Amino acid sequence: MPLYWWILSVIWIAGVPVGVFAFVHAALQRADAFTAADKLNKLAWMGITGAAAVLLILDMRGPYGIIWIAGLVAALVYIVDVRPKVKEVQGRSW
């Protein structure tokens, strides 16, 4: 098997837990923390990360499909941009 196949397989396997983590984290946070962090509200982020998790789980093409990649990008935007701001507002480590 070529090296790119192994790399894409690892990305595919890692993508599902990333999407589920983003959704669970968004669900467990206080609603006012999102607006205090000047981000979209909690319901919007739960919808975005929930849809991302579903796309990552159900799209069987994995990293070869643009829909799967969009789901991964949505989850990563939450983890990299929104999560740190919400944590900062709440003063929590998780």
PDB file of N, CA and C in Angstrom:
ATOM      1  N   MET A   1       0.828  -1.186   0.000  1.00  0.00           N
ATOM      2  CA  MET A   1       0.000   0.000   0.000  1.00  0.00           C
ATOM      3  C   MET A   1       0.877   1.256   0.000  1.00  0.00           C
ATOM      4  N   PRO A   2       0.472   2.266  -0.745  1.00  0.00           N
ATOM      5  CA  PRO A   2       1.243   3.517  -0.781  1.00  0.00           C
ATOM      6  C   PRO A   2       1.144   4.284   0.547  1.00  0.00           C
ATOM      7  N   LEU A   3       2.111   5.121   0.789  1.00  0.00           N
ATOM      8  CA  LEU A   3       2.178   5.895   2.022  1.00  0.00           C
ATOM      9  C   LEU A   3       0.969   6.812   2.188  1.00  0.00           C
ATOM     10  N   TYR A   4       0.511   7.459   1.097  1.00  0.00           N
ATOM     11  CA  TYR A   4      -0.629   8.365   1.207  1.00  0.00           C
ATOM     12  C   TYR A   4      -1.875   7.627   1.687  1.00  0.00           C
ATOM     13  N   TRP A   5      -2.013   6.355   1.349  1.00  0.00           N
ATOM     14  CA  TRP A   5      -3.173   5.576   1.789  1.00  0.00           C
ATOM     15  C   TRP A   5      -3.146   5.418   3.304  1.00  0.00           C
ATOM     16  N   TRP A   6      -1.972   5.144   3.862  1.00  0.00           N
ATOM     17  CA  TRP A   6      -1.846   4.999   5.309  1.00  0.00           C
ATOM     18  C   TRP A   6      -2.119   6.322   6.019  1.00  0.00           C
ATOM     19  N   ILE A   7      -1.621   7.409   5.476  1.00  0.00           N
ATOM     20  CA  ILE A   7      -1.843   8.725   6.089  1.00  0.00           C
ATOM     21  C   ILE A   7      -3.323   9.073   6.092  1.00  0.00           C
ATOM     22  N   LEU A   8      -3.988   8.865   4.979  1.00  0.00           N
ATOM     23  CA  LEU A   8      -5.421   9.162   4.899  1.00  0.00           C
ATOM     24  C   LEU A   8      -6.232   8.234   5.795  1.00  0.00           C
ATOM     25  N   SER A   9      -5.792   7.010   5.963  1.00  0.00           N
ATOM     26  CA  SER A   9      -6.490   6.092   6.866  1.00  0.00           C
ATOM     27  C   SER A   9      -6.394   6.554   8.310  1.00  0.00           C
ATOM     28  N   VAL A  10      -5.232   7.031   8.710  1.00  0.00           N
ATOM     29  CA  VAL A  10      -5.057   7.546  10.068  1.00  0.00           C
ATOM     30  C   VAL A  10      -5.920   8.788  10.279  1.00  0.00           C
ATOM     31  N   ILE A  11      -5.962   9.671   9.288  1.00  0.00           N
ATOM     32  CA  ILE A  11      -6.810  10.861   9.381  1.00  0.00           C
ATOM     33  C   ILE A  11      -8.274  10.456   9.501  1.00  0.00           C
ATOM     34  N   TRP A  12      -8.688   9.461   8.736  1.00  0.00           N
ATOM     35  CA  TRP A  12     -10.074   9.007   8.774  1.00  0.00           C
ATOM     36  C   TRP A  12     -10.423   8.448  10.153  1.00  0.00           C
ATOM     37  N   ILE A  13      -9.553   7.627  10.692  1.00  0.00           N
ATOM     38  CA  ILE A  13      -9.806   7.013  12.005  1.00  0.00           C
ATOM     39  C   ILE A  13      -9.805   8.078  13.106  1.00  0.00           C
ATOM     40  N   ALA A  14      -8.934   9.056  13.003  1.00  0.00           N
ATOM     41  CA  ALA A  14      -8.857  10.108  14.024  1.00  0.00           C
ATOM     42  C   ALA A  14      -9.982  11.129  13.883  1.00  0.00           C
ATOM     43  N   GLY A  15     -10.563  11.243  12.714  1.00  0.00           N
ATOM     44  CA  GLY A  15     -11.589  12.259  12.475  1.00  0.00           C
ATOM     45  C   GLY A  15     -12.860  12.054  13.271  1.00  0.00           C
ATOM     46  N   VAL A  16     -13.299  10.835  13.422  1.00  0.00           N
ATOM     47  CA  VAL A  16     -14.553  10.556  14.129  1.00  0.00           C
ATOM     48  C   VAL A  16     -14.471  10.957  15.602  1.00  0.00           C
ATOM     49  N   PRO A  17     -13.452  10.550  16.353  1.00  0.00           N
ATOM     50  CA  PRO A  17     -13.375  11.002  17.746  1.00  0.00           C
ATOM     51  C   PRO A  17     -13.256  12.523  17.887  1.00  0.00           C
ATOM     52  N   VAL A  18     -12.599  13.168  16.938  1.00  0.00           N
ATOM     53  CA  VAL A  18     -12.486  14.628  16.983  1.00  0.00           C
ATOM     54  C   VAL A  18     -13.872  15.263  16.866  1.00  0.00           C
ATOM     55  N   GLY A  19     -14.684  14.786  15.943  1.00  0.00           N
ATOM     56  CA  GLY A  19     -16.035  15.325  15.775  1.00  0.00           C
ATOM     57  C   GLY A  19     -16.922  15.064  16.972  1.00  0.00           C
ATOM     58  N   VAL A  20     -16.845  13.877  17.522  1.00  0.00           N
ATOM     59  CA  VAL A  20     -17.654  13.539  18.695  1.00  0.00           C
ATOM     60  C   VAL A  20     -17.201  14.358  19.900  1.00  0.00           C
ATOM     61  N   PHE A  21     -15.889  14.524  20.074  1.00  0.00           N
ATOM     62  CA  PHE A  21     -15.377  15.334  21.178  1.00  0.00           C
ATOM     63  C   PHE A  21     -15.873  16.772  21.077  1.00  0.00           C
ATOM     64  N   ALA A  22     -15.843  17.342  19.883  1.00  0.00           N
ATOM     65  CA  ALA A  22     -16.298  18.727  19.700  1.00  0.00           C
ATOM     66  C   ALA A  22     -17.767  18.863  20.093  1.00  0.00           C
ATOM     67  N   PHE A  23     -18.592  17.907  19.689  1.00  0.00           N
ATOM     68  CA  PHE A  23     -20.017  17.971  20.024  1.00  0.00           C
ATOM     69  C   PHE A  23     -20.243  17.822  21.524  1.00  0.00           C
ATOM     70  N   VAL A  24     -19.593  16.853  22.130  1.00  0.00           N
ATOM     71  CA  VAL A  24     -19.772  16.625  23.570  1.00  0.00           C
ATOM     72  C   VAL A  24     -19.283  17.838  24.361  1.00  0.00           C
ATOM     73  N   HIS A  25     -18.167  18.398  23.966  1.00  0.00           N
ATOM     74  CA  HIS A  25     -17.658  19.572  24.668  1.00  0.00           C
ATOM     75  C   HIS A  25     -18.642  20.739  24.550  1.00  0.00           C
ATOM     76  N   ALA A  26     -19.167  20.960  23.374  1.00  0.00           N
ATOM     77  CA  ALA A  26     -20.127  22.052  23.190  1.00  0.00           C
ATOM     78  C   ALA A  26     -21.385  21.821  24.026  1.00  0.00           C
ATOM     79  N   ALA A  27     -21.802  20.574  24.130  1.00  0.00           N
ATOM     80  CA  ALA A  27     -23.022  20.258  24.878  1.00  0.00           C
ATOM     81  C   ALA A  27     -22.844  20.462  26.381  1.00  0.00           C
ATOM     82  N   LEU A  28     -21.633  20.298  26.891  1.00  0.00           N
ATOM     83  CA  LEU A  28     -21.400  20.367  28.329  1.00  0.00           C
ATOM     84  C   LEU A  28     -21.082  21.772  28.839  1.00  0.00           C
ATOM     85  N   GLN A  29     -20.988  22.742  27.960  1.00  0.00           N
ATOM     86  CA  GLN A  29     -20.632  24.095  28.376  1.00  0.00           C
ATOM     87  C   GLN A  29     -21.879  24.923  28.677  1.00  0.00           C
ATOM     88  N   ARG A  30     -21.676  25.971  29.489  1.00  0.00           N
ATOM     89  CA  ARG A  30     -22.771  26.884  29.796  1.00  0.00           C
ATOM     90  C   ARG A  30     -23.121  27.692  28.559  1.00  0.00           C
ATOM     91  N   ALA A  31     -24.396  27.975  28.390  1.00  0.00           N
ATOM     92  CA  ALA A  31     -24.847  28.717  27.214  1.00  0.00           C
ATOM     93  C   ALA A  31     -24.326  30.149  27.213  1.00  0.00           C
ATOM     94  N   ASP A  32     -24.254  30.776  28.380  1.00  0.00           N
ATOM     95  CA  ASP A  32     -23.812  32.168  28.426  1.00  0.00           C
ATOM     96  C   ASP A  32     -22.318  32.325  28.125  1.00  0.00           C
ATOM     97  N   ALA A  33     -21.552  31.264  28.256  1.00  0.00           N
ATOM     98  CA  ALA A  33     -20.112  31.342  27.980  1.00  0.00           C
ATOM     99  C   ALA A  33     -19.846  31.595  26.506  1.00  0.00           C
ATOM    100  N   PHE A  34     -20.694  31.096  25.625  1.00  0.00           N
ATOM    101  CA  PHE A  34     -20.501  31.295  24.191  1.00  0.00           C
ATOM    102  C   PHE A  34     -20.706  32.753  23.814  1.00  0.00           C
ATOM    103  N   THR A  35     -21.764  33.354  24.319  1.00  0.00           N
ATOM    104  CA  THR A  35     -22.015  34.756  24.002  1.00  0.00           C
ATOM    105  C   THR A  35     -21.002  35.665  24.695  1.00  0.00           C
ATOM    106  N   ALA A  36     -20.582  35.301  25.905  1.00  0.00           N
ATOM    107  CA  ALA A  36     -19.562  36.090  26.606  1.00  0.00           C
ATOM    108  C   ALA A  36     -18.226  36.035  25.873  1.00  0.00           C
ATOM    109  N   ALA A  37     -17.958  34.921  25.188  1.00  0.00           N
ATOM    110  CA  ALA A  37     -16.727  34.778  24.417  1.00  0.00           C
ATOM    111  C   ALA A  37     -16.858  35.405  23.027  1.00  0.00           C
ATOM    112  N   ASP A  38     -18.006  36.029  22.757  1.00  0.00           N
ATOM    113  CA  ASP A  38     -18.278  36.690  21.480  1.00  0.00           C
ATOM    114  C   ASP A  38     -18.246  35.706  20.302  1.00  0.00           C
ATOM    115  N   LYS A  39     -18.858  34.547  20.526  1.00  0.00           N
ATOM    116  CA  LYS A  39     -18.989  33.514  19.495  1.00  0.00           C
ATOM    117  C   LYS A  39     -20.468  33.267  19.237  1.00  0.00           C
ATOM    118  N   LEU A  40     -20.776  32.406  18.282  1.00  0.00           N
ATOM    119  CA  LEU A  40     -22.166  32.012  18.065  1.00  0.00           C
ATOM    120  C   LEU A  40     -22.717  31.389  19.339  1.00  0.00           C
ATOM    121  N   ASN A  41     -24.035  31.330  19.458  1.00  0.00           N
ATOM    122  CA  ASN A  41     -24.619  30.783  20.685  1.00  0.00           C
ATOM    123  C   ASN A  41     -24.423  29.265  20.775  1.00  0.00           C
ATOM    124  N   LYS A  42     -24.734  28.728  21.934  1.00  0.00           N
ATOM    125  CA  LYS A  42     -24.507  27.308  22.204  1.00  0.00           C
ATOM    126  C   LYS A  42     -25.300  26.424  21.246  1.00  0.00           C
ATOM    127  N   LEU A  43     -26.549  26.778  20.998  1.00  0.00           N
ATOM    128  CA  LEU A  43     -27.379  25.966  20.111  1.00  0.00           C
ATOM    129  C   LEU A  43     -26.792  25.891  18.705  1.00  0.00           C
ATOM    130  N   ALA A  44     -26.261  27.009  18.228  1.00  0.00           N
ATOM    131  CA  ALA A  44     -25.654  27.021  16.893  1.00  0.00           C
ATOM    132  C   ALA A  44     -24.421  26.113  16.853  1.00  0.00           C
ATOM    133  N   TRP A  45     -23.577  26.201  17.888  1.00  0.00           N
ATOM    134  CA  TRP A  45     -22.377  25.363  17.895  1.00  0.00           C
ATOM    135  C   TRP A  45     -22.704  23.893  18.112  1.00  0.00           C
ATOM    136  N   MET A  46     -23.762  23.619  18.858  1.00  0.00           N
ATOM    137  CA  MET A  46     -24.174  22.215  18.991  1.00  0.00           C
ATOM    138  C   MET A  46     -24.673  21.687  17.654  1.00  0.00           C
ATOM    139  N   GLY A  47     -25.372  22.517  16.907  1.00  0.00           N
ATOM    140  CA  GLY A  47     -25.825  22.106  15.581  1.00  0.00           C
ATOM    141  C   GLY A  47     -24.670  21.881  14.619  1.00  0.00           C
ATOM    142  N   ILE A  48     -23.718  22.795  14.633  1.00  0.00           N
ATOM    143  CA  ILE A  48     -22.566  22.685  13.738  1.00  0.00           C
ATOM    144  C   ILE A  48     -21.730  21.457  14.082  1.00  0.00           C
ATOM    145  N   THR A  49     -21.392  21.301  15.360  1.00  0.00           N
ATOM    146  CA  THR A  49     -20.547  20.167  15.742  1.00  0.00           C
ATOM    147  C   THR A  49     -21.309  18.844  15.664  1.00  0.00           C
ATOM    148  N   GLY A  50     -22.604  18.873  15.930  1.00  0.00           N
ATOM    149  CA  GLY A  50     -23.415  17.652  15.793  1.00  0.00           C
ATOM    150  C   GLY A  50     -23.492  17.205  14.346  1.00  0.00           C
ATOM    151  N   ALA A  51     -23.720  18.146  13.449  1.00  0.00           N
ATOM    152  CA  ALA A  51     -23.749  17.807  12.022  1.00  0.00           C
ATOM    153  C   ALA A  51     -22.379  17.321  11.568  1.00  0.00           C
ATOM    154  N   ALA A  52     -21.326  17.957  12.073  1.00  0.00           N
ATOM    155  CA  ALA A  52     -19.974  17.527  11.715  1.00  0.00           C
ATOM    156  C   ALA A  52     -19.723  16.095  12.177  1.00  0.00           C
ATOM    157  N   ALA A  53     -20.130  15.775  13.406  1.00  0.00           N
ATOM    158  CA  ALA A  53     -19.926  14.417  13.921  1.00  0.00           C
ATOM    159  C   ALA A  53     -20.696  13.400  13.090  1.00  0.00           C
ATOM    160  N   VAL A  54     -21.916  13.724  12.731  1.00  0.00           N
ATOM    161  CA  VAL A  54     -22.724  12.803  11.909  1.00  0.00           C
ATOM    162  C   VAL A  54     -22.070  12.606  10.542  1.00  0.00           C
ATOM    163  N   LEU A  55     -21.607  13.688   9.939  1.00  0.00           N
ATOM    164  CA  LEU A  55     -20.935  13.572   8.639  1.00  0.00           C
ATOM    165  C   LEU A  55     -19.668  12.718   8.741  1.00  0.00           C
ATOM    166  N   LEU A  56     -18.909  12.921   9.797  1.00  0.00           N
ATOM    167  CA  LEU A  56     -17.676  12.153   9.955  1.00  0.00           C
ATOM    168  C   LEU A  56     -17.948  10.670  10.176  1.00  0.00           C
ATOM    169  N   ILE A  57     -19.045  10.361  10.835  1.00  0.00           N
ATOM    170  CA  ILE A  57     -19.386   8.967  11.101  1.00  0.00           C
ATOM    171  C   ILE A  57     -19.990   8.291   9.875  1.00  0.00           C
ATOM    172  N   LEU A  58     -20.878   8.981   9.172  1.00  0.00           N
ATOM    173  CA  LEU A  58     -21.659   8.339   8.115  1.00  0.00           C
ATOM    174  C   LEU A  58     -21.052   8.401   6.716  1.00  0.00           C
ATOM    175  N   ASP A  59     -20.217   9.385   6.444  1.00  0.00           N
ATOM    176  CA  ASP A  59     -19.654   9.500   5.097  1.00  0.00           C
ATOM    177  C   ASP A  59     -18.569   8.447   4.908  1.00  0.00           C
ATOM    178  N   MET A  60     -18.860   7.442   4.138  1.00  0.00           N
ATOM    179  CA  MET A  60     -17.962   6.302   3.988  1.00  0.00           C
ATOM    180  C   MET A  60     -16.768   6.586   3.069  1.00  0.00           C
ATOM    181  N   ARG A  61     -16.778   7.710   2.365  1.00  0.00           N
ATOM    182  CA  ARG A  61     -15.635   8.040   1.516  1.00  0.00           C
ATOM    183  C   ARG A  61     -14.468   8.566   2.324  1.00  0.00           C
ATOM    184  N   GLY A  62     -14.750   8.976   3.563  1.00  0.00           N
ATOM    185  CA  GLY A  62     -13.690   9.475   4.431  1.00  0.00           C
ATOM    186  C   GLY A  62     -13.017  10.700   3.859  1.00  0.00           C
ATOM    187  N   PRO A  63     -11.705  10.802   4.022  1.00  0.00           N
ATOM    188  CA  PRO A  63     -10.984  11.994   3.578  1.00  0.00           C
ATOM    189  C   PRO A  63     -10.999  12.198   2.063  1.00  0.00           C
ATOM    190  N   TYR A  64     -11.548  11.259   1.339  1.00  0.00           N
ATOM    191  CA  TYR A  64     -11.647  11.416  -0.112  1.00  0.00           C
ATOM    192  C   TYR A  64     -12.875  12.231  -0.517  1.00  0.00           C
ATOM    193  N   GLY A  65     -13.790  12.469   0.412  1.00  0.00           N
ATOM    194  CA  GLY A  65     -15.018  13.188   0.094  1.00  0.00           C
ATOM    195  C   GLY A  65     -15.020  14.597   0.658  1.00  0.00           C
ATOM    196  N   ILE A  66     -15.524  15.540  -0.111  1.00  0.00           N
ATOM    197  CA  ILE A  66     -15.537  16.941   0.302  1.00  0.00           C
ATOM    198  C   ILE A  66     -16.484  17.156   1.487  1.00  0.00           C
ATOM    199  N   ILE A  67     -17.545  16.387   1.580  1.00  0.00           N
ATOM    200  CA  ILE A  67     -18.480  16.519   2.702  1.00  0.00           C
ATOM    201  C   ILE A  67     -17.786  16.104   4.000  1.00  0.00           C
ATOM    202  N   TRP A  68     -17.027  15.027   3.962  1.00  0.00           N
ATOM    203  CA  TRP A  68     -16.296  14.569   5.145  1.00  0.00           C
ATOM    204  C   TRP A  68     -15.279  15.610   5.581  1.00  0.00           C
ATOM    205  N   ILE A  69     -14.583  16.183   4.626  1.00  0.00           N
ATOM    206  CA  ILE A  69     -13.588  17.202   4.931  1.00  0.00           C
ATOM    207  C   ILE A  69     -14.260  18.428   5.553  1.00  0.00           C
ATOM    208  N   ALA A  70     -15.428  18.803   5.050  1.00  0.00           N
ATOM    209  CA  ALA A  70     -16.162  19.939   5.626  1.00  0.00           C
ATOM    210  C   ALA A  70     -16.544  19.651   7.076  1.00  0.00           C
ATOM    211  N   GLY A  71     -16.946  18.430   7.375  1.00  0.00           N
ATOM    212  CA  GLY A  71     -17.265  18.057   8.748  1.00  0.00           C
ATOM    213  C   GLY A  71     -16.048  18.141   9.650  1.00  0.00           C
ATOM    214  N   LEU A  72     -14.908  17.677   9.167  1.00  0.00           N
ATOM    215  CA  LEU A  72     -13.680  17.738   9.953  1.00  0.00           C
ATOM    216  C   LEU A  72     -13.259  19.186  10.189  1.00  0.00           C
ATOM    217  N   VAL A  73     -13.368  20.019   9.177  1.00  0.00           N
ATOM    218  CA  VAL A  73     -13.005  21.431   9.326  1.00  0.00           C
ATOM    219  C   VAL A  73     -13.915  22.113  10.344  1.00  0.00           C
ATOM    220  N   ALA A  74     -15.209  21.821  10.303  1.00  0.00           N
ATOM    221  CA  ALA A  74     -16.143  22.418  11.262  1.00  0.00           C
ATOM    222  C   ALA A  74     -15.790  22.017  12.693  1.00  0.00           C
ATOM    223  N   ALA A  75     -15.489  20.749  12.907  1.00  0.00           N
ATOM    224  CA  ALA A  75     -15.113  20.284  14.241  1.00  0.00           C
ATOM    225  C   ALA A  75     -13.801  20.913  14.690  1.00  0.00           C
ATOM    226  N   LEU A  76     -12.846  21.022  13.794  1.00  0.00           N
ATOM    227  CA  LEU A  76     -11.557  21.608  14.148  1.00  0.00           C
ATOM    228  C   LEU A  76     -11.664  23.106  14.420  1.00  0.00           C
ATOM    229  N   VAL A  77     -12.529  23.800  13.714  1.00  0.00           N
ATOM    230  CA  VAL A  77     -12.748  25.227  13.999  1.00  0.00           C
ATOM    231  C   VAL A  77     -13.269  25.395  15.417  1.00  0.00           C
ATOM    232  N   TYR A  78     -14.195  24.533  15.809  1.00  0.00           N
ATOM    233  CA  TYR A  78     -14.694  24.613  17.181  1.00  0.00           C
ATOM    234  C   TYR A  78     -13.558  24.356  18.179  1.00  0.00           C
ATOM    235  N   ILE A  79     -12.795  23.308  17.958  1.00  0.00           N
ATOM    236  CA  ILE A  79     -11.750  22.929  18.907  1.00  0.00           C
ATOM    237  C   ILE A  79     -10.642  23.980  18.981  1.00  0.00           C
ATOM    238  N   VAL A  80     -10.253  24.536  17.856  1.00  0.00           N
ATOM    239  CA  VAL A  80      -9.116  25.456  17.829  1.00  0.00           C
ATOM    240  C   VAL A  80      -9.518  26.895  18.168  1.00  0.00           C
ATOM    241  N   ASP A  81     -10.714  27.317  17.781  1.00  0.00           N
ATOM    242  CA  ASP A  81     -11.099  28.714  17.958  1.00  0.00           C
ATOM    243  C   ASP A  81     -12.080  28.928  19.107  1.00  0.00           C
ATOM    244  N   VAL A  82     -13.155  28.184  19.133  1.00  0.00           N
ATOM    245  CA  VAL A  82     -14.229  28.432  20.090  1.00  0.00           C
ATOM    246  C   VAL A  82     -13.908  27.854  21.461  1.00  0.00           C
ATOM    247  N   ARG A  83     -13.447  26.638  21.511  1.00  0.00           N
ATOM    248  CA  ARG A  83     -13.192  25.962  22.792  1.00  0.00           C
ATOM    249  C   ARG A  83     -12.258  26.746  23.711  1.00  0.00           C
ATOM    250  N   PRO A  84     -11.115  27.257  23.227  1.00  0.00           N
ATOM    251  CA  PRO A  84     -10.248  28.020  24.139  1.00  0.00           C
ATOM    252  C   PRO A  84     -10.921  29.278  24.703  1.00  0.00           C
ATOM    253  N   LYS A  85     -11.716  29.954  23.893  1.00  0.00           N
ATOM    254  CA  LYS A  85     -12.388  31.164  24.369  1.00  0.00           C
ATOM    255  C   LYS A  85     -13.440  30.832  25.414  1.00  0.00           C
ATOM    256  N   VAL A  86     -14.190  29.758  25.191  1.00  0.00           N
ATOM    257  CA  VAL A  86     -15.216  29.350  26.151  1.00  0.00           C
ATOM    258  C   VAL A  86     -14.559  28.906  27.452  1.00  0.00           C
ATOM    259  N   LYS A  87     -13.461  28.179  27.364  1.00  0.00           N
ATOM    260  CA  LYS A  87     -12.727  27.767  28.568  1.00  0.00           C
ATOM    261  C   LYS A  87     -12.228  28.974  29.337  1.00  0.00           C
ATOM    262  N   GLU A  88     -11.727  29.960  28.619  1.00  0.00           N
ATOM    263  CA  GLU A  88     -11.209  31.171  29.254  1.00  0.00           C
ATOM    264  C   GLU A  88     -12.309  31.919  29.995  1.00  0.00           C
ATOM    265  N   VAL A  89     -13.467  32.022  29.391  1.00  0.00           N
ATOM    266  CA  VAL A  89     -14.596  32.713  30.017  1.00  0.00           C
ATOM    267  C   VAL A  89     -15.046  31.979  31.282  1.00  0.00           C
ATOM    268  N   GLN A  90     -15.077  30.661  31.222  1.00  0.00           N
ATOM    269  CA  GLN A  90     -15.557  29.873  32.359  1.00  0.00           C
ATOM    270  C   GLN A  90     -14.478  29.638  33.408  1.00  0.00           C
ATOM    271  N   GLY A  91     -13.231  29.830  33.034  1.00  0.00           N
ATOM    272  CA  GLY A  91     -12.139  29.599  33.972  1.00  0.00           C
ATOM    273  C   GLY A  91     -11.927  28.134  34.291  1.00  0.00           C
ATOM    274  N   ARG A  92     -12.229  27.258  33.311  1.00  0.00           N
ATOM    275  CA  ARG A  92     -12.070  25.816  33.500  1.00  0.00           C
ATOM    276  C   ARG A  92     -10.937  25.286  32.653  1.00  0.00           C
ATOM    277  N   SER A  93     -10.413  24.128  33.066  1.00  0.00           N
ATOM    278  CA  SER A  93      -9.337  23.513  32.290  1.00  0.00           C
ATOM    279  C   SER A  93      -9.861  22.553  31.228  1.00  0.00           C
ATOM    280  N   TRP A  94     -11.102  22.081  31.336  1.00  0.00           N
ATOM    281  CA  TRP A  94     -11.648  21.143  30.340  1.00  0.00           C
ATOM    282  C   TRP A  94     -12.581  21.903  29.481  1.00  0.00           C
TER     283      TRP A  94
END
